[in-house]
Amino acid sequence: MREAVVNRKTKETDISVSLNLEGPKGSIEVPSGFLNHMLDAFSTHSAIGLSVKAKGDTHVDMHHVTEDLGIVMGKALKKALGNKKGITRYGLAKVPMDEALVEACLDISGRPYFQIHGEDVFHGQAGDLDLELVPEFFRALAFNAGITLHMTIFASSNGHHLAEACFKACARALREAVAVTGSEIPSTKETL
């Protein structure tokens, strides 16, 4: 089984993530209803079993919890992928959410990189989460998983739909990239 459990406890947060690339869905308990909803959507659309327990200094704001969730999920993803033998490696998904349209393109390369293309639209709030934290989550995820992740915002005027399209697009691209479709490591270097 391609699975991993990663815990991270700091002065600011206490996070535990259990991740299984073959599912099934688990329970998600984070101190933000909106982020809980996004992680549930991520698990559903990636078909990755995800159990999360997180708490932290939310009296300050959700920044530390959100970023640290990305860190821990990224580390769990990297650990669950192991030597990456047989994976598809690349993933691409474009997701519309009413007026929002987001594309995620990723490479499980071992070379961490994160870029958002398009207008800077991460302002205001969606539910109880500052939208500026959405890119922080994905940056932490990409750098700790060792993936190259490009997200392109084609259209957006609703913060909830923007964030949800980001999480779903990344999830669907990841679902494609982690699928086992061969028996070799998909690289001319023979390592990822």
Protein backbone atom coordinates (compact mmCIF):
# COMPACT_ATOMS: atom_id res chain seq x y z
CA MET A 1 0.00 0.00 0.00
CA ARG A 2 1.17 3.51 -0.81
CA GLU A 3 0.42 5.24 2.44
CA ALA A 4 2.05 7.41 5.07
CA VAL A 5 1.43 9.01 8.45
CA VAL A 6 3.18 12.28 9.28
CA ASN A 7 2.91 14.34 12.45
CA ARG A 8 4.20 17.84 13.11
CA LYS A 9 4.05 19.57 16.46
CA THR A 10 5.40 23.09 16.93
CA LYS A 11 4.75 25.93 19.32
CA GLU A 12 2.12 27.15 16.83
CA THR A 13 0.45 23.98 15.52
CA ASP A 14 -0.21 20.29 16.17
CA ILE A 15 -1.03 18.41 12.96
CA SER A 16 -1.42 14.74 12.09
CA VAL A 17 -2.03 13.50 8.54
CA SER A 18 -2.69 9.96 7.38
CA LEU A 19 -2.61 9.64 3.59
CA ASN A 20 -3.40 6.60 1.45
CA LEU A 21 -3.02 6.96 -2.33
CA GLU A 22 -5.59 4.20 -2.86
CA GLY A 23 -8.22 5.63 -0.48
CA PRO A 24 -10.61 5.33 1.30
CA LYS A 25 -11.66 8.75 2.55
CA GLY A 26 -11.03 9.45 6.20
CA SER A 27 -12.09 12.20 8.58
CA ILE A 28 -10.91 15.79 8.46
CA GLU A 29 -10.86 17.93 11.58
CA VAL A 30 -9.32 21.37 11.17
CA PRO A 31 -10.26 24.60 13.00
CA SER A 32 -11.76 26.21 9.89
CA GLY A 33 -15.04 25.12 8.39
CA PHE A 34 -14.02 26.41 4.97
CA LEU A 35 -10.59 24.73 4.97
CA ASN A 36 -12.25 21.53 6.20
CA HIS A 37 -14.56 21.75 3.15
CA MET A 38 -11.57 22.32 0.80
CA LEU A 39 -9.63 19.34 2.16
CA ASP A 40 -12.72 17.16 1.86
CA ALA A 41 -13.06 18.25 -1.79
CA PHE A 42 -9.35 17.58 -2.31
CA SER A 43 -9.68 14.05 -0.92
CA THR A 44 -12.82 13.35 -2.95
CA HIS A 45 -11.47 14.56 -6.29
CA SER A 46 -7.98 13.08 -5.91
CA ALA A 47 -9.37 9.72 -4.69
CA ILE A 48 -6.69 9.92 -2.00
CA GLY A 49 -7.65 8.70 1.44
CA LEU A 50 -6.95 11.58 3.77
CA SER A 51 -7.37 11.77 7.53
CA VAL A 52 -6.38 15.05 9.14
CA LYS A 53 -6.37 16.37 12.69
CA ALA A 54 -5.10 19.89 13.15
CA LYS A 55 -5.14 22.53 15.82
CA GLY A 56 -3.14 25.65 16.34
CA ASP A 57 -2.93 29.29 17.29
CA THR A 58 -6.14 30.31 15.55
CA HIS A 59 -6.51 33.18 18.01
CA VAL A 60 -3.82 34.82 15.85
CA ASP A 61 -5.30 33.73 12.48
CA MET A 62 -5.34 30.61 10.27
CA HIS A 63 -1.95 31.25 8.64
CA HIS A 64 0.17 28.83 10.68
CA VAL A 65 -2.39 26.01 10.56
CA THR A 66 -2.96 26.40 6.81
CA GLU A 67 0.74 26.54 5.90
CA ASP A 68 1.64 23.68 8.25
CA LEU A 69 -1.17 21.55 6.78
CA GLY A 70 0.46 22.02 3.38
CA ILE A 71 3.84 21.05 4.85
CA VAL A 72 2.54 17.89 6.53
CA MET A 73 0.37 16.81 3.58
CA GLY A 74 3.32 17.37 1.23
CA LYS A 75 5.62 15.25 3.37
CA ALA A 76 2.99 12.51 3.61
CA LEU A 77 2.49 12.53 -0.16
CA LYS A 78 6.23 12.28 -0.78
CA LYS A 79 6.56 9.43 1.72
CA ALA A 80 3.55 7.54 0.29
CA LEU A 81 4.95 7.78 -3.26
CA GLY A 82 8.17 6.02 -2.21
CA ASN A 83 10.50 5.55 -5.19
CA LYS A 84 7.69 6.60 -7.59
CA LYS A 85 8.10 3.45 -9.67
CA GLY A 86 5.35 3.10 -12.27
CA ILE A 87 3.57 6.41 -11.62
CA THR A 88 2.24 8.51 -14.49
CA ARG A 89 4.26 11.44 -13.07
CA TYR A 90 2.45 14.29 -14.86
CA GLY A 91 -1.06 15.57 -14.25
CA LEU A 92 -3.22 18.26 -15.78
CA ALA A 93 -6.75 19.33 -14.88
CA LYS A 94 -8.92 22.34 -15.63
CA VAL A 95 -11.89 22.86 -13.33
CA PRO A 96 -14.80 25.27 -13.77
CA MET A 97 -16.77 26.36 -10.71
CA ASP A 98 -19.50 28.58 -12.12
CA GLU A 99 -17.68 31.83 -13.00
CA ALA A 100 -14.28 30.55 -11.78
CA LEU A 101 -11.93 28.60 -14.04
CA VAL A 102 -8.63 27.18 -12.75
CA GLU A 103 -6.05 24.87 -14.28
CA ALA A 104 -3.47 22.86 -12.34
CA CYS A 105 -0.50 21.29 -14.08
CA LEU A 106 1.99 19.27 -12.06
CA ASP A 107 5.05 17.08 -12.29
CA ILE A 108 6.08 14.71 -9.52
CA SER A 109 9.67 15.50 -10.37
CA GLY A 110 11.50 15.73 -7.05
CA ARG A 111 12.14 19.38 -7.98
CA PRO A 112 9.86 21.60 -5.91
CA TYR A 113 8.41 24.67 -7.57
CA PHE A 114 5.13 26.58 -7.31
CA GLN A 115 3.75 29.35 -9.51
CA ILE A 116 0.35 30.97 -9.93
CA HIS A 117 -0.32 32.48 -13.34
CA GLY A 118 -2.99 35.07 -14.02
CA GLU A 119 -4.34 37.94 -11.98
CA ASP A 120 -3.70 38.26 -8.25
CA VAL A 121 -7.22 37.40 -7.13
CA PHE A 122 -6.61 35.96 -3.67
CA HIS A 123 -8.12 38.78 -1.60
CA GLY A 124 -10.85 38.86 1.01
CA GLN A 125 -12.35 35.83 2.67
CA ALA A 126 -14.23 32.68 1.81
CA GLY A 127 -16.12 31.55 4.86
CA ASP A 128 -13.71 31.79 7.79
CA LEU A 129 -10.50 31.62 5.70
CA ASP A 130 -8.44 34.48 4.28
CA LEU A 131 -8.07 33.76 0.57
CA GLU A 132 -4.41 34.84 0.64
CA LEU A 133 -3.77 31.56 2.50
CA VAL A 134 -4.82 29.42 -0.48
CA PRO A 135 -1.51 30.01 -2.34
CA GLU A 136 0.37 29.52 0.96
CA PHE A 137 -1.16 26.05 1.32
CA PHE A 138 -0.26 25.00 -2.22
CA ARG A 139 3.28 26.42 -1.99
CA ALA A 140 3.90 24.42 1.20
CA LEU A 141 2.36 21.29 -0.36
CA ALA A 142 4.46 21.53 -3.54
CA PHE A 143 7.76 22.24 -1.81
CA ASN A 144 7.36 19.49 0.78
CA ALA A 145 6.06 16.88 -1.70
CA GLY A 146 8.86 17.69 -4.16
CA ILE A 147 6.50 18.52 -7.01
CA THR A 148 6.39 21.24 -9.63
CA LEU A 149 2.94 22.84 -9.52
CA HIS A 150 1.63 25.54 -11.84
CA MET A 151 -1.86 26.93 -11.32
CA THR A 152 -3.48 29.27 -13.82
CA ILE A 153 -6.44 31.43 -12.89
CA PHE A 154 -8.44 32.04 -16.07
CA ALA A 155 -11.53 33.58 -14.45
CA SER A 156 -12.83 34.40 -10.99
CA SER A 157 -15.15 36.79 -9.21
CA ASN A 158 -16.30 34.65 -6.27
CA GLY A 159 -13.76 33.74 -3.58
CA HIS A 160 -15.45 30.48 -2.57
CA HIS A 161 -15.58 29.23 -6.16
CA LEU A 162 -11.99 30.36 -6.82
CA ALA A 163 -10.59 28.45 -3.84
CA GLU A 164 -12.69 25.37 -4.53
CA ALA A 165 -11.63 25.31 -8.19
CA CYS A 166 -7.97 25.48 -7.05
CA PHE A 167 -8.33 22.56 -4.64
CA LYS A 168 -10.31 20.45 -7.12
CA ALA A 169 -7.99 21.17 -10.06
CA CYS A 170 -4.91 20.25 -8.03
CA ALA A 171 -6.65 17.13 -6.72
CA ARG A 172 -7.64 15.92 -10.19
CA ALA A 173 -4.16 16.60 -11.59
CA LEU A 174 -2.64 14.73 -8.66
CA ARG A 175 -5.03 11.81 -9.17
CA GLU A 176 -3.73 11.50 -12.73
CA ALA A 177 -0.06 11.90 -11.76
CA VAL A 178 0.03 9.32 -8.93
CA ALA A 179 -1.78 6.64 -10.95
CA VAL A 180 0.34 3.55 -11.54
CA THR A 181 0.46 3.03 -15.30
CA GLY A 182 3.82 1.36 -15.77
CA SER A 183 6.55 -0.56 -14.01
CA GLU A 184 9.53 1.76 -14.37
CA ILE A 185 10.46 5.09 -12.84
CA PRO A 186 9.22 7.58 -15.48
CA SER A 187 12.48 9.44 -16.00
CA THR A 188 15.46 9.17 -18.33
CA LYS A 189 17.56 9.66 -15.18
CA GLU A 190 15.87 6.56 -13.68
CA THR A 191 15.18 8.53 -10.52
CA LEU A 192 12.72 11.16 -9.41
